Amino acid sequence: MTEPTPTVRGPDAVRRSLIDAAKALSSVRSPRQVSGRELAQHAGVNYGLIHYYFGTKDNVFAQAVIEATETMAERWDEGGILPVNTSEEAASYRTFAKLEVDESRSPVSDLVARIVAGQAQASGRSQNDEELLAEVAIATALQFGWGAFEDEIVAALEEFGAELHTLRARVAEMSTRLKAD
């Protein structure tokens, strides 16, 4: 069986396409459940380019996690605790929900540490302030919970007449109120 002709060409485009494909696939399944061939096919590149540019498929997923972490961290760094991310960007949280990490300190731990630092700076409080830590815990749980289960939550609530964009707007609004209380 021959592979389809790659549609993405050029080193930067190939790297970008592989990383984007890894983000998309890992928001649905654990990277361990995705084959290198599936990753290459989703990226529109030849399978051998994974090894040429990244060495292994795991390195592609690792780069995707780094980028997802940075995207989320920048959002948190700018304003401390923010409303629940109910946009398409919530896929980054789904990536983390599916991630299986064999490290002593996971990307989630690093992200939470950045959220604590950002919120402490934004609110003028100490990083070990009990109230601040509770706020970060709740906000992080809401972010990851929504990101991990948005599809299932929306599907279940559609039975009662919920519409995705309206639900997203209301969830974001309500989470802002929780932050203010």
N, C-alpha and C. Protein backbone atom coordinates (compact mmCIF):
# COMPACT_ATOMS: atom_id res chain seq x y z
N MET A 1 0.85 -1.18 0.00
CA MET A 1 0.00 0.00 0.00
C MET A 1 0.89 1.24 0.00
N THR A 2 0.63 2.16 -0.90
CA THR A 2 1.43 3.37 -0.98
C THR A 2 0.80 4.48 -0.16
N GLU A 3 1.68 5.35 0.37
CA GLU A 3 1.19 6.49 1.14
C GLU A 3 0.66 7.55 0.18
N PRO A 4 -0.33 8.35 0.63
CA PRO A 4 -0.80 9.43 -0.23
C PRO A 4 0.32 10.46 -0.42
N THR A 5 0.27 11.17 -1.52
CA THR A 5 1.25 12.20 -1.79
C THR A 5 1.15 13.29 -0.74
N PRO A 6 2.29 13.62 -0.12
CA PRO A 6 2.26 14.69 0.90
C PRO A 6 1.78 16.00 0.29
N THR A 7 1.00 16.75 1.06
CA THR A 7 0.47 18.02 0.58
C THR A 7 1.20 19.21 1.17
N VAL A 8 1.99 18.98 2.21
CA VAL A 8 2.72 20.06 2.88
C VAL A 8 4.18 19.96 2.47
N ARG A 9 4.76 21.09 2.08
CA ARG A 9 6.15 21.10 1.64
C ARG A 9 6.91 22.23 2.32
N GLY A 10 8.20 22.01 2.48
CA GLY A 10 9.06 23.01 3.09
C GLY A 10 9.27 22.71 4.56
N PRO A 11 10.51 22.90 5.05
CA PRO A 11 10.83 22.52 6.44
C PRO A 11 9.93 23.17 7.49
N ASP A 12 9.74 24.48 7.41
CA ASP A 12 8.92 25.16 8.42
C ASP A 12 7.47 24.70 8.35
N ALA A 13 6.95 24.55 7.13
CA ALA A 13 5.56 24.13 6.96
C ALA A 13 5.35 22.69 7.46
N VAL A 14 6.34 21.84 7.20
CA VAL A 14 6.24 20.45 7.65
C VAL A 14 6.25 20.38 9.18
N ARG A 15 7.20 21.09 9.81
CA ARG A 15 7.25 21.10 11.28
C ARG A 15 5.94 21.63 11.86
N ARG A 16 5.48 22.76 11.32
CA ARG A 16 4.25 23.37 11.82
C ARG A 16 3.07 22.42 11.66
N SER A 17 2.96 21.77 10.51
CA SER A 17 1.85 20.87 10.25
C SER A 17 1.88 19.66 11.19
N LEU A 18 3.07 19.13 11.46
CA LEU A 18 3.18 18.00 12.39
C LEU A 18 2.78 18.41 13.80
N ILE A 19 3.25 19.57 14.25
CA ILE A 19 2.91 20.03 15.60
C ILE A 19 1.41 20.29 15.70
N ASP A 20 0.85 20.95 14.70
CA ASP A 20 -0.60 21.23 14.72
C ASP A 20 -1.40 19.93 14.71
N ALA A 21 -0.95 18.95 13.92
CA ALA A 21 -1.64 17.66 13.88
C ALA A 21 -1.54 16.97 15.24
N ALA A 22 -0.37 17.06 15.88
CA ALA A 22 -0.20 16.45 17.21
C ALA A 22 -1.14 17.11 18.22
N LYS A 23 -1.27 18.43 18.16
CA LYS A 23 -2.20 19.11 19.07
C LYS A 23 -3.63 18.63 18.83
N ALA A 24 -4.02 18.58 17.57
CA ALA A 24 -5.39 18.18 17.25
C ALA A 24 -5.66 16.74 17.68
N LEU A 25 -4.75 15.84 17.37
CA LEU A 25 -4.96 14.43 17.70
C LEU A 25 -4.91 14.20 19.21
N SER A 26 -4.01 14.89 19.90
CA SER A 26 -3.89 14.65 21.34
C SER A 26 -5.01 15.31 22.13
N SER A 27 -5.81 16.15 21.49
CA SER A 27 -6.97 16.69 22.18
C SER A 27 -8.12 15.69 22.17
N VAL A 28 -7.94 14.61 21.40
CA VAL A 28 -8.97 13.59 21.29
C VAL A 28 -8.54 12.28 21.95
N ARG A 29 -7.24 11.95 21.79
CA ARG A 29 -6.73 10.69 22.33
C ARG A 29 -5.34 10.90 22.90
N SER A 30 -4.94 9.98 23.74
CA SER A 30 -3.59 10.00 24.28
C SER A 30 -2.59 9.85 23.14
N PRO A 31 -1.47 10.57 23.19
CA PRO A 31 -0.45 10.40 22.16
C PRO A 31 0.00 8.95 22.00
N ARG A 32 -0.06 8.17 23.05
CA ARG A 32 0.32 6.76 22.95
C ARG A 32 -0.64 5.96 22.07
N GLN A 33 -1.84 6.49 21.86
CA GLN A 33 -2.83 5.80 21.03
C GLN A 33 -2.77 6.24 19.57
N VAL A 34 -1.86 7.15 19.24
CA VAL A 34 -1.73 7.67 17.89
C VAL A 34 -0.45 7.13 17.28
N SER A 35 -0.55 6.50 16.13
CA SER A 35 0.65 5.97 15.47
C SER A 35 1.36 7.10 14.72
N GLY A 36 2.62 6.87 14.44
CA GLY A 36 3.38 7.84 13.65
C GLY A 36 2.78 8.02 12.27
N ARG A 37 2.32 6.94 11.69
CA ARG A 37 1.71 7.02 10.35
C ARG A 37 0.41 7.85 10.39
N GLU A 38 -0.37 7.67 11.44
CA GLU A 38 -1.60 8.46 11.57
C GLU A 38 -1.26 9.93 11.75
N LEU A 39 -0.25 10.22 12.54
CA LEU A 39 0.18 11.60 12.74
C LEU A 39 0.61 12.22 11.41
N ALA A 40 1.44 11.51 10.66
CA ALA A 40 1.92 12.01 9.37
C ALA A 40 0.76 12.22 8.40
N GLN A 41 -0.16 11.27 8.36
CA GLN A 41 -1.31 11.39 7.46
C GLN A 41 -2.15 12.61 7.83
N HIS A 42 -2.40 12.79 9.12
CA HIS A 42 -3.20 13.94 9.58
C HIS A 42 -2.49 15.26 9.25
N ALA A 43 -1.16 15.24 9.29
CA ALA A 43 -0.38 16.44 8.99
C ALA A 43 -0.21 16.68 7.49
N GLY A 44 -0.50 15.66 6.69
CA GLY A 44 -0.33 15.79 5.24
C GLY A 44 1.12 15.73 4.81
N VAL A 45 1.91 14.94 5.56
CA VAL A 45 3.34 14.82 5.23
C VAL A 45 3.73 13.35 5.14
N ASN A 46 4.90 13.10 4.58
CA ASN A 46 5.45 11.76 4.50
C ASN A 46 5.87 11.31 5.89
N TYR A 47 5.62 10.07 6.22
CA TYR A 47 5.93 9.50 7.54
C TYR A 47 7.39 9.70 7.93
N GLY A 48 8.30 9.56 7.00
CA GLY A 48 9.72 9.69 7.28
C GLY A 48 10.12 11.07 7.78
N LEU A 49 9.30 12.09 7.48
CA LEU A 49 9.63 13.44 7.91
C LEU A 49 9.50 13.63 9.43
N ILE A 50 8.71 12.79 10.06
CA ILE A 50 8.64 12.83 11.53
C ILE A 50 10.03 12.57 12.08
N HIS A 51 10.67 11.54 11.59
CA HIS A 51 11.99 11.15 12.08
C HIS A 51 13.06 12.14 11.62
N TYR A 52 12.92 12.66 10.42
CA TYR A 52 13.90 13.60 9.89
C TYR A 52 13.93 14.89 10.72
N TYR A 53 12.75 15.43 11.05
CA TYR A 53 12.68 16.71 11.75
C TYR A 53 12.63 16.60 13.28
N PHE A 54 12.08 15.49 13.79
CA PHE A 54 11.87 15.40 15.23
C PHE A 54 12.54 14.19 15.89
N GLY A 55 12.97 13.23 15.14
CA GLY A 55 13.58 12.03 15.71
C GLY A 55 12.55 10.95 16.02
N THR A 56 11.50 11.30 16.75
CA THR A 56 10.44 10.34 17.08
C THR A 56 9.09 11.07 17.10
N LYS A 57 8.04 10.31 17.03
CA LYS A 57 6.70 10.92 17.13
C LYS A 57 6.49 11.50 18.52
N ASP A 58 7.10 10.89 19.54
CA ASP A 58 6.98 11.43 20.90
C ASP A 58 7.54 12.84 21.00
N ASN A 59 8.61 13.11 20.24
CA ASN A 59 9.18 14.45 20.24
C ASN A 59 8.24 15.47 19.59
N VAL A 60 7.47 15.02 18.60
CA VAL A 60 6.47 15.91 17.99
C VAL A 60 5.41 16.26 19.03
N PHE A 61 4.92 15.25 19.74
CA PHE A 61 3.91 15.48 20.77
C PHE A 61 4.47 16.33 21.91
N ALA A 62 5.73 16.12 22.25
CA ALA A 62 6.36 16.93 23.30
C ALA A 62 6.38 18.40 22.88
N GLN A 63 6.72 18.67 21.63
CA GLN A 63 6.73 20.05 21.15
C GLN A 63 5.31 20.64 21.15
N ALA A 64 4.33 19.82 20.80
CA ALA A 64 2.94 20.27 20.83
C ALA A 64 2.53 20.65 22.26
N VAL A 65 2.96 19.86 23.24
CA VAL A 65 2.65 20.15 24.64
C VAL A 65 3.32 21.44 25.07
N ILE A 66 4.57 21.63 24.67
CA ILE A 66 5.28 22.86 25.01
C ILE A 66 4.52 24.07 24.47
N GLU A 67 4.10 23.99 23.22
CA GLU A 67 3.36 25.11 22.63
C GLU A 67 2.00 25.31 23.31
N ALA A 68 1.31 24.22 23.60
CA ALA A 68 0.01 24.33 24.28
C ALA A 68 0.18 24.96 25.66
N THR A 69 1.23 24.56 26.35
CA THR A 69 1.52 25.12 27.67
C THR A 69 1.78 26.61 27.57
N GLU A 70 2.57 27.00 26.59
CA GLU A 70 2.89 28.42 26.42
C GLU A 70 1.64 29.23 26.10
N THR A 71 0.78 28.69 25.23
CA THR A 71 -0.46 29.39 24.87
C THR A 71 -1.32 29.60 26.10
N MET A 72 -1.49 28.55 26.90
CA MET A 72 -2.30 28.68 28.10
C MET A 72 -1.64 29.60 29.12
N ALA A 73 -0.33 29.44 29.29
CA ALA A 73 0.38 30.24 30.29
C ALA A 73 0.34 31.72 29.95
N GLU A 74 0.48 32.06 28.67
CA GLU A 74 0.41 33.47 28.26
C GLU A 74 -0.95 34.05 28.62
N ARG A 75 -1.99 33.26 28.41
CA ARG A 75 -3.34 33.72 28.73
C ARG A 75 -3.46 34.00 30.23
N TRP A 76 -2.91 33.12 31.05
CA TRP A 76 -2.99 33.28 32.50
C TRP A 76 -2.03 34.37 32.98
N ASP A 77 -0.84 34.44 32.39
CA ASP A 77 0.16 35.42 32.81
C ASP A 77 -0.34 36.86 32.65
N GLU A 78 -1.12 37.09 31.60
CA GLU A 78 -1.56 38.45 31.29
C GLU A 78 -2.55 39.00 32.31
N GLY A 79 -3.40 38.18 32.87
CA GLY A 79 -4.43 38.73 33.73
C GLY A 79 -4.74 37.95 34.97
N GLY A 80 -3.84 37.10 35.40
CA GLY A 80 -4.15 36.29 36.56
C GLY A 80 -5.28 35.32 36.24
N ILE A 81 -6.18 35.11 37.18
CA ILE A 81 -7.28 34.18 36.96
C ILE A 81 -8.28 34.82 36.01
N LEU A 82 -8.60 34.12 34.97
CA LEU A 82 -9.51 34.60 33.93
C LEU A 82 -10.77 33.75 33.91
N PRO A 83 -11.79 34.18 33.18
CA PRO A 83 -12.98 33.34 33.03
C PRO A 83 -12.63 32.01 32.37
N VAL A 84 -13.48 31.03 32.56
CA VAL A 84 -13.27 29.73 31.92
C VAL A 84 -13.14 29.96 30.42
N ASN A 85 -12.14 29.33 29.84
CA ASN A 85 -11.90 29.46 28.40
C ASN A 85 -12.92 28.60 27.67
N THR A 86 -13.92 29.26 27.13
CA THR A 86 -14.99 28.54 26.44
C THR A 86 -14.89 28.71 24.94
N SER A 87 -13.69 29.01 24.46
CA SER A 87 -13.48 29.20 23.04
C SER A 87 -12.90 27.93 22.42
N GLU A 88 -12.64 28.00 21.14
CA GLU A 88 -12.00 26.88 20.46
C GLU A 88 -10.62 26.60 21.03
N GLU A 89 -10.01 27.60 21.69
CA GLU A 89 -8.69 27.43 22.29
C GLU A 89 -8.72 26.43 23.45
N ALA A 90 -9.89 26.05 23.92
CA ALA A 90 -9.98 25.09 25.01
C ALA A 90 -9.41 23.73 24.62
N ALA A 91 -9.13 23.54 23.34
CA ALA A 91 -8.50 22.28 22.90
C ALA A 91 -7.18 22.05 23.60
N SER A 92 -6.49 23.12 23.96
CA SER A 92 -5.23 22.96 24.70
C SER A 92 -5.47 22.24 26.02
N TYR A 93 -6.58 22.53 26.68
CA TYR A 93 -6.90 21.86 27.94
C TYR A 93 -7.25 20.41 27.70
N ARG A 94 -7.92 20.12 26.57
CA ARG A 94 -8.23 18.74 26.25
C ARG A 94 -6.94 17.96 26.00
N THR A 95 -5.94 18.63 25.40
CA THR A 95 -4.65 17.98 25.19
C THR A 95 -4.06 17.54 26.51
N PHE A 96 -4.10 18.41 27.51
CA PHE A 96 -3.57 18.06 28.82
C PHE A 96 -4.39 16.96 29.48
N ALA A 97 -5.67 16.95 29.27
CA ALA A 97 -6.52 15.92 29.88
C ALA A 97 -6.18 14.54 29.35
N LYS A 98 -5.74 14.47 28.10
CA LYS A 98 -5.41 13.18 27.49
C LYS A 98 -3.95 12.81 27.67
N LEU A 99 -3.16 13.73 28.16
CA LEU A 99 -1.73 13.53 28.24
C LEU A 99 -1.35 12.53 29.33
N GLU A 100 -0.49 11.62 28.99
CA GLU A 100 0.06 10.68 29.95
C GLU A 100 1.54 11.01 30.09
N VAL A 101 1.93 11.52 31.23
CA VAL A 101 3.30 11.97 31.42
C VAL A 101 3.99 11.07 32.42
N ASP A 102 5.20 10.65 32.08
CA ASP A 102 5.97 9.79 32.97
C ASP A 102 7.07 10.58 33.68
N GLU A 103 6.87 11.87 33.85
CA GLU A 103 7.88 12.71 34.48
C GLU A 103 7.49 12.97 35.93
N SER A 104 8.47 13.36 36.73
CA SER A 104 8.17 13.65 38.13
C SER A 104 7.38 14.95 38.24
N ARG A 105 7.58 15.89 37.32
CA ARG A 105 6.83 17.14 37.33
C ARG A 105 6.20 17.29 35.95
N SER A 106 4.91 17.29 35.90
CA SER A 106 4.21 17.32 34.62
C SER A 106 4.06 18.75 34.11
N PRO A 107 3.71 18.89 32.83
CA PRO A 107 3.42 20.23 32.30
C PRO A 107 2.28 20.91 33.05
N VAL A 108 1.35 20.12 33.58
CA VAL A 108 0.25 20.69 34.36
C VAL A 108 0.80 21.37 35.62
N SER A 109 1.74 20.71 36.30
CA SER A 109 2.35 21.30 37.49
C SER A 109 3.04 22.62 37.16
N ASP A 110 3.76 22.63 36.05
CA ASP A 110 4.43 23.86 35.63
C ASP A 110 3.43 24.96 35.32
N LEU A 111 2.34 24.59 34.65
CA LEU A 111 1.31 25.58 34.32
C LEU A 111 0.66 26.14 35.59
N VAL A 112 0.32 25.28 36.53
CA VAL A 112 -0.30 25.73 37.77
C VAL A 112 0.65 26.67 38.52
N ALA A 113 1.94 26.35 38.53
CA ALA A 113 2.91 27.23 39.19
C ALA A 113 2.92 28.62 38.53
N ARG A 114 2.80 28.65 37.22
CA ARG A 114 2.76 29.94 36.52
C ARG A 114 1.47 30.69 36.83
N ILE A 115 0.37 29.96 36.95
CA ILE A 115 -0.91 30.60 37.29
C ILE A 115 -0.82 31.22 38.68
N VAL A 116 -0.24 30.48 39.64
CA VAL A 116 -0.08 31.01 41.00
C VAL A 116 0.76 32.29 40.95
N ALA A 117 1.87 32.25 40.24
CA ALA A 117 2.74 33.43 40.16
C ALA A 117 2.02 34.60 39.50
N GLY A 118 1.30 34.33 38.41
CA GLY A 118 0.58 35.39 37.72
C GLY A 118 -0.54 35.99 38.56
N GLN A 119 -1.27 35.13 39.25
CA GLN A 119 -2.37 35.61 40.09
C GLN A 119 -1.84 36.36 41.30
N ALA A 120 -0.74 35.90 41.87
CA ALA A 120 -0.14 36.60 43.02
C ALA A 120 0.29 38.01 42.58
N GLN A 121 0.92 38.09 41.43
CA GLN A 121 1.35 39.40 40.94
C GLN A 121 0.15 40.28 40.60
N ALA A 122 -0.86 39.72 39.93
CA ALA A 122 -2.03 40.50 39.53
C ALA A 122 -2.82 41.01 40.73
N SER A 123 -2.83 40.22 41.82
CA SER A 123 -3.64 40.59 42.99
C SER A 123 -2.82 41.21 44.12
N GLY A 124 -1.50 41.23 43.98
CA GLY A 124 -0.65 41.80 45.02
C GLY A 124 -0.58 40.95 46.28
N ARG A 125 -0.84 39.66 46.14
CA ARG A 125 -0.79 38.76 47.31
C ARG A 125 0.42 37.83 47.23
N SER A 126 0.72 37.20 48.32
CA SER A 126 1.80 36.24 48.41
C SER A 126 1.41 34.96 47.67
N GLN A 127 2.42 34.26 47.12
CA GLN A 127 2.15 33.00 46.43
C GLN A 127 1.69 31.89 47.37
N ASN A 128 1.84 32.07 48.67
CA ASN A 128 1.36 31.03 49.59
C ASN A 128 0.10 31.47 50.33
N ASP A 129 -0.55 32.51 49.85
CA ASP A 129 -1.82 32.97 50.41
C ASP A 129 -2.87 31.88 50.20
N GLU A 130 -3.50 31.43 51.29
CA GLU A 130 -4.45 30.31 51.20
C GLU A 130 -5.63 30.62 50.28
N GLU A 131 -6.14 31.84 50.34
CA GLU A 131 -7.27 32.23 49.49
C GLU A 131 -6.86 32.21 48.02
N LEU A 132 -5.67 32.72 47.72
CA LEU A 132 -5.16 32.72 46.35
C LEU A 132 -5.04 31.29 45.83
N LEU A 133 -4.48 30.41 46.65
CA LEU A 133 -4.31 29.02 46.22
C LEU A 133 -5.65 28.34 45.97
N ALA A 134 -6.64 28.64 46.80
CA ALA A 134 -7.98 28.09 46.58
C ALA A 134 -8.58 28.62 45.28
N GLU A 135 -8.41 29.92 45.02
CA GLU A 135 -8.90 30.51 43.77
C GLU A 135 -8.25 29.84 42.56
N VAL A 136 -6.95 29.63 42.64
CA VAL A 136 -6.23 28.98 41.54
C VAL A 136 -6.72 27.55 41.36
N ALA A 137 -6.93 26.83 42.45
CA ALA A 137 -7.42 25.45 42.37
C ALA A 137 -8.78 25.39 41.68
N ILE A 138 -9.69 26.26 42.09
CA ILE A 138 -11.03 26.25 41.49
C ILE A 138 -10.97 26.65 40.02
N ALA A 139 -10.24 27.72 39.73
CA ALA A 139 -10.15 28.18 38.35
C ALA A 139 -9.50 27.13 37.45
N THR A 140 -8.46 26.49 37.95
CA THR A 140 -7.79 25.46 37.16
C THR A 140 -8.71 24.27 36.94
N ALA A 141 -9.43 23.86 37.96
CA ALA A 141 -10.37 22.74 37.82
C ALA A 141 -11.45 23.06 36.79
N LEU A 142 -11.97 24.28 36.84
CA LEU A 142 -12.98 24.67 35.86
C LEU A 142 -12.40 24.67 34.45
N GLN A 143 -11.20 25.24 34.30
CA GLN A 143 -10.57 25.30 32.98
C GLN A 143 -10.36 23.89 32.41
N PHE A 144 -9.73 23.04 33.20
CA PHE A 144 -9.43 21.71 32.69
C PHE A 144 -10.69 20.87 32.55
N GLY A 145 -11.62 21.02 33.48
CA GLY A 145 -12.88 20.27 33.38
C GLY A 145 -13.66 20.65 32.14
N TRP A 146 -13.76 21.94 31.87
CA TRP A 146 -14.47 22.37 30.67
C TRP A 146 -13.71 21.90 29.43
N GLY A 147 -12.40 22.10 29.43
CA GLY A 147 -11.61 21.70 28.27
C GLY A 147 -11.69 20.21 28.00
N ALA A 148 -11.65 19.42 29.06
CA ALA A 148 -11.67 17.97 28.89
C ALA A 148 -13.03 17.43 28.47
N PHE A 149 -14.10 18.06 28.97
CA PHE A 149 -15.43 17.47 28.77
C PHE A 149 -16.41 18.37 28.03
N GLU A 150 -15.93 19.42 27.39
CA GLU A 150 -16.84 20.34 26.70
C GLU A 150 -17.79 19.60 25.76
N ASP A 151 -17.25 18.74 24.91
CA ASP A 151 -18.10 18.03 23.94
C ASP A 151 -19.19 17.23 24.64
N GLU A 152 -18.81 16.52 25.69
CA GLU A 152 -19.78 15.69 26.40
C GLU A 152 -20.81 16.54 27.15
N ILE A 153 -20.36 17.63 27.77
CA ILE A 153 -21.27 18.51 28.50
C ILE A 153 -22.28 19.13 27.55
N VAL A 154 -21.77 19.66 26.44
CA VAL A 154 -22.66 20.31 25.46
C VAL A 154 -23.64 19.29 24.88
N ALA A 155 -23.14 18.11 24.53
CA ALA A 155 -24.03 17.07 23.97
C ALA A 155 -25.14 16.71 24.95
N ALA A 156 -24.79 16.57 26.22
CA ALA A 156 -25.80 16.23 27.22
C ALA A 156 -26.82 17.36 27.39
N LEU A 157 -26.37 18.61 27.32
CA LEU A 157 -27.27 19.74 27.54
C LEU A 157 -28.06 20.14 26.30
N GLU A 158 -27.64 19.66 25.13
CA GLU A 158 -28.41 19.93 23.91
C GLU A 158 -29.80 19.33 24.01
N GLU A 159 -29.92 18.22 24.74
CA GLU A 159 -31.21 17.57 24.96
C GLU A 159 -32.20 18.53 25.62
N PHE A 160 -31.66 19.49 26.37
CA PHE A 160 -32.50 20.46 27.08
C PHE A 160 -32.57 21.79 26.34
N GLY A 161 -32.04 21.82 25.12
CA GLY A 161 -32.13 23.04 24.31
C GLY A 161 -30.91 23.93 24.34
N ALA A 162 -29.83 23.50 24.97
CA ALA A 162 -28.62 24.33 25.01
C ALA A 162 -27.99 24.39 23.63
N GLU A 163 -27.45 25.55 23.30
CA GLU A 163 -26.74 25.77 22.04
C GLU A 163 -25.30 26.12 22.38
N LEU A 164 -24.34 25.55 21.65
CA LEU A 164 -22.92 25.66 21.98
C LEU A 164 -22.47 27.08 22.27
N HIS A 165 -22.67 28.01 21.36
CA HIS A 165 -22.13 29.36 21.53
C HIS A 165 -22.80 30.10 22.69
N THR A 166 -24.09 29.91 22.86
CA THR A 166 -24.79 30.53 23.97
C THR A 166 -24.30 29.95 25.30
N LEU A 167 -24.15 28.63 25.34
CA LEU A 167 -23.67 27.98 26.55
C LEU A 167 -22.25 28.45 26.89
N ARG A 168 -21.40 28.53 25.88
CA ARG A 168 -20.03 29.02 26.12
C ARG A 168 -20.05 30.42 26.73
N ALA A 169 -20.86 31.29 26.16
CA ALA A 169 -20.91 32.67 26.66
C ALA A 169 -21.40 32.71 28.11
N ARG A 170 -22.41 31.95 28.42
CA ARG A 170 -22.96 31.94 29.78
C ARG A 170 -21.97 31.34 30.78
N VAL A 171 -21.29 30.27 30.40
CA VAL A 171 -20.30 29.65 31.29
C VAL A 171 -19.17 30.65 31.57
N ALA A 172 -18.69 31.33 30.55
CA ALA A 172 -17.63 32.32 30.74
C ALA A 172 -18.11 33.44 31.67
N GLU A 173 -19.34 33.89 31.47
CA GLU A 173 -19.91 34.96 32.30
C GLU A 173 -20.04 34.50 33.76
N MET A 174 -20.56 33.30 33.96
CA MET A 174 -20.75 32.80 35.32
C MET A 174 -19.41 32.57 36.02
N SER A 175 -18.41 32.11 35.29
CA SER A 175 -17.11 31.88 35.94
C SER A 175 -16.47 33.21 36.35
N THR A 176 -16.75 34.26 35.62
CA THR A 176 -16.26 35.59 36.00
C THR A 176 -16.92 36.02 37.30
N ARG A 177 -18.20 35.75 37.42
CA ARG A 177 -18.90 36.09 38.67
C ARG A 177 -18.35 35.31 39.85
N LEU A 178 -18.02 34.04 39.64
CA LEU A 178 -17.43 33.22 40.71
C LEU A 178 -16.12 33.82 41.16
N LYS A 179 -15.33 34.32 40.23
CA LYS A 179 -14.05 34.92 40.54
C LYS A 179 -14.24 36.17 41.40
N ALA A 180 -15.28 36.94 41.09
CA ALA A 180 -15.51 38.19 41.78
C ALA A 180 -16.07 38.00 43.20
N ASP A 181 -16.70 36.86 43.45
CA ASP A 181 -17.32 36.63 44.76
C ASP A 181 -16.35 36.28 45.84
